[in-house]
Protein backbone atom coordinates (compact mmCIF):
# COMPACT_ATOMS: atom_id res chain seq x y z
CA ALA A 1 -8.80 3.85 -6.76
CA HIS A 2 -10.97 2.55 -3.93
CA GLY A 3 -9.73 3.77 -0.57
CA GLU A 4 -8.22 7.00 -1.85
CA SER A 5 -11.36 9.16 -1.70
CA GLN A 6 -11.61 8.79 2.07
CA GLN A 7 -8.06 10.09 2.38
CA VAL A 8 -8.87 13.40 0.69
CA ALA A 9 -12.59 13.76 1.36
CA GLU A 10 -12.32 15.89 4.47
CA GLY A 11 -10.24 18.52 2.71
CA VAL A 12 -12.41 18.51 -0.39
CA LEU A 13 -15.66 18.80 1.53
CA ALA A 14 -14.25 21.53 3.78
CA ALA A 15 -14.20 23.77 0.72
CA ASP A 16 -18.01 23.32 0.54
CA PRO A 17 -18.26 22.49 -3.19
CA PRO A 18 -21.80 22.64 -4.58
CA LEU A 19 -21.68 19.01 -5.71
CA VAL A 20 -19.32 16.06 -5.25
CA ILE A 21 -19.81 12.73 -7.03
CA ASP A 22 -17.44 9.98 -5.94
CA LEU A 23 -17.02 7.02 -8.29
CA ALA A 24 -15.02 5.01 -5.75
CA ALA A 25 -16.55 2.63 -3.20
CA ASP A 26 -15.59 4.65 -0.12
CA PHE A 27 -18.99 6.22 0.59
CA ARG A 28 -21.45 3.79 -0.97
CA VAL A 29 -22.17 1.57 2.02
CA HIS A 30 -23.68 3.01 5.21
CA ASP A 31 -23.68 -0.20 7.24
CA ARG A 32 -20.26 -0.13 8.88
CA ALA A 33 -20.07 -3.86 9.60
CA LEU A 34 -21.02 -4.63 6.01
CA TYR A 35 -18.45 -2.18 4.68
CA GLU A 36 -15.64 -3.52 6.84
CA ARG A 37 -16.46 -7.11 5.93
CA PHE A 38 -15.56 -6.39 2.31
CA TYR A 39 -13.21 -3.40 2.46
CA GLY A 40 -11.63 -3.29 5.90
CA GLU A 41 -11.38 -0.26 8.15
CA HIS A 42 -12.68 3.08 6.89
CA GLY A 43 -10.53 6.16 7.47
CA ALA A 44 -13.30 8.78 7.36
CA TRP A 45 -16.41 7.00 8.57
CA PRO A 46 -18.20 10.10 10.00
CA LEU A 47 -18.46 11.44 6.44
CA VAL A 48 -20.28 8.40 5.04
CA GLU A 49 -23.73 9.48 6.23
CA SER A 50 -23.46 12.72 4.27
CA PHE A 51 -23.36 10.82 0.95
CA THR A 52 -26.41 9.64 -1.00
CA TYR A 53 -26.22 6.40 -2.97
CA GLY A 54 -26.60 7.51 -6.58
CA LEU A 55 -28.49 4.67 -8.26
CA ALA A 56 -30.05 7.14 -10.64
CA ASP A 57 -32.57 4.88 -12.35
CA VAL A 58 -34.04 3.85 -8.99
CA HIS A 59 -33.86 7.09 -7.04
CA GLY A 60 -34.68 9.47 -9.88
CA GLY A 61 -36.08 12.74 -8.56
CA ARG A 62 -35.11 11.83 -5.00
CA LEU A 63 -31.56 12.87 -5.94
CA ALA A 64 -32.73 16.45 -6.48
CA GLY A 65 -30.66 18.79 -4.34
CA ALA A 66 -28.17 16.12 -3.27
CA ARG A 67 -24.72 17.61 -2.80
CA ARG A 68 -22.67 14.49 -2.09
CA ILE A 69 -23.33 11.41 -4.18
CA ALA A 70 -21.64 8.02 -4.12
CA ALA A 71 -21.89 6.55 -7.60
CA PRO A 72 -22.69 2.81 -7.53
CA GLY A 73 -20.25 0.15 -8.68
CA CYS A 74 -20.61 -1.41 -12.11
CA PHE A 75 -21.58 -4.91 -10.94
CA ALA A 76 -23.89 -3.40 -8.34
CA THR A 77 -25.63 -1.25 -10.94
CA ALA A 78 -26.39 -4.16 -13.27
CA THR A 79 -27.41 -6.49 -10.46
CA LEU A 80 -29.65 -3.96 -8.74
CA LEU A 81 -31.40 -2.99 -11.97
CA ALA A 82 -32.23 -6.67 -12.34
CA LEU A 83 -33.29 -7.33 -8.75
CA HIS A 84 -34.60 -4.08 -7.28
CA PRO A 85 -38.16 -4.51 -8.64
CA LEU A 86 -38.43 -7.95 -7.03
CA ALA A 87 -37.05 -6.66 -3.74
CA ALA A 88 -39.47 -3.72 -3.70
CA ALA A 89 -42.35 -6.14 -4.37
CA GLY A 90 -41.39 -8.25 -1.35
CA LEU A 91 -40.43 -11.24 -3.47
CA LEU A 92 -36.91 -11.92 -2.18
CA ALA A 93 -37.45 -14.73 0.32
CA GLU A 94 -33.96 -16.19 -0.06
CA PRO A 95 -30.66 -14.59 -1.14
CA PRO A 96 -30.69 -14.20 -4.92
CA VAL A 97 -27.69 -15.52 -6.83
CA ALA A 98 -26.30 -13.29 -9.59
CA VAL A 99 -23.78 -14.61 -12.10
CA ALA A 100 -22.03 -11.66 -13.70
CA LEU A 101 -19.56 -11.43 -16.59
CA THR A 102 -17.43 -8.40 -17.30
CA GLY A 103 -14.76 -7.25 -19.74
CA SER A 104 -11.16 -6.26 -19.15
CA THR A 105 -12.00 -2.58 -18.60
CA GLY A 106 -13.74 -3.57 -15.37
CA SER A 107 -10.38 -4.17 -13.73
CA GLY A 108 -9.16 -0.58 -13.62
CA THR A 109 -6.08 0.95 -15.24
CA THR A 110 -3.31 -0.78 -13.29
CA PRO A 111 -1.72 -3.47 -15.47
CA ARG A 112 -1.87 -6.98 -14.04
CA ARG A 113 -1.70 -10.54 -15.24
CA THR A 114 -5.47 -10.97 -15.46
CA THR A 115 -5.86 -7.90 -17.71
CA HIS A 116 -3.02 -8.89 -20.05
CA HIS A 117 -4.49 -9.52 -23.51
CA PRO A 118 -2.78 -12.87 -24.18
CA LEU A 119 -4.41 -14.19 -20.98
CA ARG A 120 -7.80 -12.55 -21.47
CA ALA A 121 -8.36 -13.30 -25.15
CA HIS A 122 -10.43 -16.45 -25.69
CA ASN A 123 -10.52 -17.06 -21.93
CA LEU A 124 -13.21 -17.09 -19.25
CA PHE A 125 -12.64 -17.44 -15.52
CA ALA A 126 -14.28 -16.69 -12.18
CA TYR A 127 -12.72 -14.46 -9.54
CA ALA A 128 -13.54 -13.19 -6.04
CA ALA A 129 -15.63 -16.34 -5.66
CA ALA A 130 -15.65 -16.06 -1.86
CA GLY A 131 -17.39 -12.69 -2.10
CA HIS A 132 -16.95 -9.75 -4.48
CA ARG A 133 -16.83 -6.39 -2.70
CA HIS A 134 -19.79 -5.06 -4.69
CA GLU A 135 -21.92 -7.51 -2.73
CA ALA A 136 -21.85 -4.99 0.13
CA GLU A 137 -23.80 -2.30 -1.73
CA ILE A 138 -26.04 -4.83 -3.46
CA VAL A 139 -27.05 -6.32 -0.11
CA GLU A 140 -27.59 -2.92 1.52
CA GLN A 141 -29.72 -1.57 -1.32
CA LEU A 142 -31.82 -4.73 -1.56
CA ARG A 143 -32.41 -4.54 2.19
CA VAL A 144 -33.60 -0.96 1.83
CA ALA A 145 -35.88 -1.84 -1.08
CA ALA A 146 -37.34 -4.89 0.67
CA GLY A 147 -37.50 -3.33 4.14
CA ARG A 148 -35.67 -6.34 5.59
CA ASP A 149 -32.41 -6.13 7.54
CA ALA A 150 -31.54 -9.81 7.23
CA LEU A 151 -31.62 -10.09 3.43
CA GLY A 152 -28.46 -11.31 1.67
CA ALA A 153 -27.26 -11.83 -1.89
CA VAL A 154 -24.59 -13.78 -3.74
CA LEU A 155 -22.56 -12.21 -6.56
CA LEU A 156 -20.43 -14.59 -8.65
CA THR A 157 -18.16 -12.56 -10.93
CA HIS A 158 -16.37 -13.73 -14.07
CA SER A 159 -13.85 -12.20 -16.43
CA ALA A 160 -15.02 -12.73 -19.99
CA PRO A 161 -13.14 -12.48 -23.31
CA LEU A 162 -14.40 -8.99 -24.10
CA VAL A 163 -13.29 -5.42 -23.46
CA ARG A 164 -16.34 -3.74 -21.96
CA GLY A 165 -19.81 -4.48 -20.71
CA ILE A 166 -21.49 -6.47 -17.92
CA HIS A 167 -24.05 -9.23 -18.35
CA VAL A 168 -25.90 -10.48 -15.26
CA THR A 169 -28.10 -13.55 -14.88
CA ALA A 170 -29.82 -13.55 -11.48
CA THR A 171 -31.83 -16.44 -10.08
CA VAL A 172 -34.52 -15.81 -7.49
CA THR A 173 -36.68 -18.14 -5.42
CA PRO A 174 -39.60 -15.78 -4.75
CA ALA A 175 -41.54 -15.56 -1.51
CA ARG A 176 -44.69 -16.31 -3.51
CA ALA A 177 -45.35 -17.46 -7.04
CA CYS A 178 -44.43 -14.86 -9.65
CA PRO A 179 -45.80 -16.16 -12.96
CA ASP A 180 -45.21 -12.90 -14.90
CA PRO A 181 -41.98 -11.23 -13.72
CA LEU A 182 -41.70 -9.38 -17.02
CA ALA A 183 -44.86 -7.43 -16.17
CA LEU A 184 -43.28 -6.57 -12.82
CA LEU A 185 -40.21 -5.17 -14.56
CA ARG A 186 -42.30 -3.19 -17.00
CA GLU A 187 -44.25 -1.60 -14.17
CA ALA A 188 -41.13 -0.86 -12.13
CA TRP A 189 -39.22 0.76 -14.99
CA ALA A 190 -42.10 2.55 -16.70
CA GLY A 191 -41.07 6.11 -17.48
CA ARG A 192 -37.40 5.62 -16.62
CA PRO A 193 -35.45 6.88 -19.63
CA PHE A 194 -32.48 4.55 -19.57
CA VAL A 195 -33.89 1.15 -18.56
CA ARG A 196 -35.39 -0.82 -21.39
CA VAL A 197 -37.43 -3.93 -20.62
CA LEU A 198 -37.04 -6.35 -23.51
CA ASP A 199 -39.18 -9.25 -24.71
CA ALA A 200 -36.10 -11.48 -24.89
CA PRO A 201 -32.82 -11.78 -22.95
CA PRO A 202 -30.51 -8.83 -23.67
CA GLU A 203 -27.49 -8.90 -25.94
CA LEU A 204 -24.48 -7.19 -24.44
CA ALA A 205 -23.29 -5.60 -27.68
CA ALA A 206 -26.52 -3.59 -27.90
CA VAL A 207 -25.68 -1.51 -24.80
CA VAL A 208 -21.91 -1.11 -25.18
CA GLY A 209 -21.04 2.56 -25.47
CA THR A 210 -24.43 3.71 -24.12
CA ASN A 211 -26.04 4.73 -20.84
CA PHE A 212 -28.87 2.24 -21.35
CA ALA A 213 -29.61 -0.89 -19.35
CA HIS A 214 -31.48 -3.74 -21.00
CA VAL A 215 -33.39 -6.13 -18.74
CA HIS A 216 -35.57 -9.19 -19.15
CA ALA A 217 -37.13 -11.79 -16.85
CA VAL A 218 -38.69 -15.24 -17.16
CA ALA A 219 -40.63 -17.45 -14.78
CA ARG A 220 -39.80 -21.10 -14.33
CA ASP A 221 -41.81 -23.86 -12.69
CA GLY A 222 -44.97 -21.78 -12.78
CA GLY A 223 -43.31 -18.81 -11.09
CA ALA A 224 -41.69 -20.81 -8.29
CA ARG A 225 -38.38 -19.60 -9.67
CA VAL A 226 -37.55 -16.39 -11.52
CA VAL A 227 -34.53 -15.61 -13.71
CA VAL A 228 -33.69 -11.97 -14.40
CA PHE A 229 -31.18 -10.70 -16.94
CA ALA A 230 -29.46 -7.31 -17.20
CA ALA A 231 -26.84 -5.90 -19.56
CA ILE A 232 -25.00 -2.59 -19.23
CA ASP A 233 -21.82 -0.87 -20.35
CA ASN A 234 -19.55 -0.91 -17.29
CA LEU A 235 -17.83 2.36 -18.24
CA VAL A 236 -20.98 4.36 -19.04
CA LYS A 237 -24.07 3.12 -17.19
CA GLY A 238 -21.77 1.45 -14.64
CA ALA A 239 -19.58 4.51 -14.08
CA ALA A 240 -19.31 7.88 -15.88
CA GLY A 241 -22.74 7.89 -17.54
CA GLN A 242 -24.57 7.14 -14.33
CA ALA A 243 -22.55 9.85 -12.58
CA VAL A 244 -23.68 12.39 -15.20
CA GLN A 245 -27.28 11.16 -14.87
CA ALA A 246 -27.08 11.60 -11.09
CA MET A 247 -25.55 15.05 -11.56
CA ASN A 248 -28.41 16.07 -13.85
CA LEU A 249 -30.95 14.93 -11.28
CA ALA A 250 -29.15 16.61 -8.39
CA LEU A 251 -28.95 19.94 -10.23
CA GLY A 252 -32.50 19.88 -11.56
CA LEU A 253 -31.42 19.49 -15.18
CA ASP A 254 -32.94 17.26 -17.83
CA GLU A 255 -32.06 13.77 -16.58
CA ALA A 256 -31.03 12.63 -20.05
CA ALA A 257 -28.91 15.69 -20.89
CA GLY A 258 -25.69 14.65 -22.57
CA LEU A 259 -26.56 10.96 -22.44
CA GLY A 260 -28.68 10.27 -25.50
CA PHE A 261 -25.80 9.02 -27.62
CA ALA A 262 -26.04 5.74 -29.50
CA GLY A 263 -23.61 2.88 -29.06
CA ILE A 264 -21.55 1.05 -31.66
CA TYR A 265 -23.93 -1.90 -32.23
CA PRO A 266 -24.10 -3.65 -34.72
CA CYS A 267 -20.62 -2.59 -35.82
């Protein structure tokens, strides 16, 4: 659970393990004010700087040799895979707005009313509308990509009537006209083994059970507005699979080792 890693991190790291990958949020955000805005006080802040943000599809070989990795959150992974190419190209003039839908497995293992099947089945509702905590890492990583400290982002999360997967639709008002955002995505993700740029908006079922991310983008109003789509499995690409991918990169192994499995689509 989030908040628990910082309670044990000092003891774990004192043993000098060759590699630690933390799937909680405790060491993802390096801007203290940004972290505390969404999570409150941090109990082991001096350790944060020793962790590398493990967005494997973006950082790739830069994770080589990393010994402490903070695995990104599921919403953050999907949103950043949609928006990072635009940020890196200097196209984020205003805060992008990302509408994200997730399944019941995105709520952790603790039973609660909103994960109870009779409530979730055939239902759709928004939550954390005032600001989902994954906004913190999304904002920080977009700022790094764009080289702008003042950049923001809005993440609007929804619980959908499904078990697993995340689908993101992000709207961007670019700093300059972007008539072919799909070409931008293709260039940004060329050679990355787990990001597939599609010719049409992604279908969530196609990525469930896999470490793949499917993305697509369209221009509207002659490129005065851009809409970007991303679909991932929240438990694989958004959690364990990305952690394995980051581990492979950190240890100098084949990046795709152990991750080439197919999903369950179209079953």
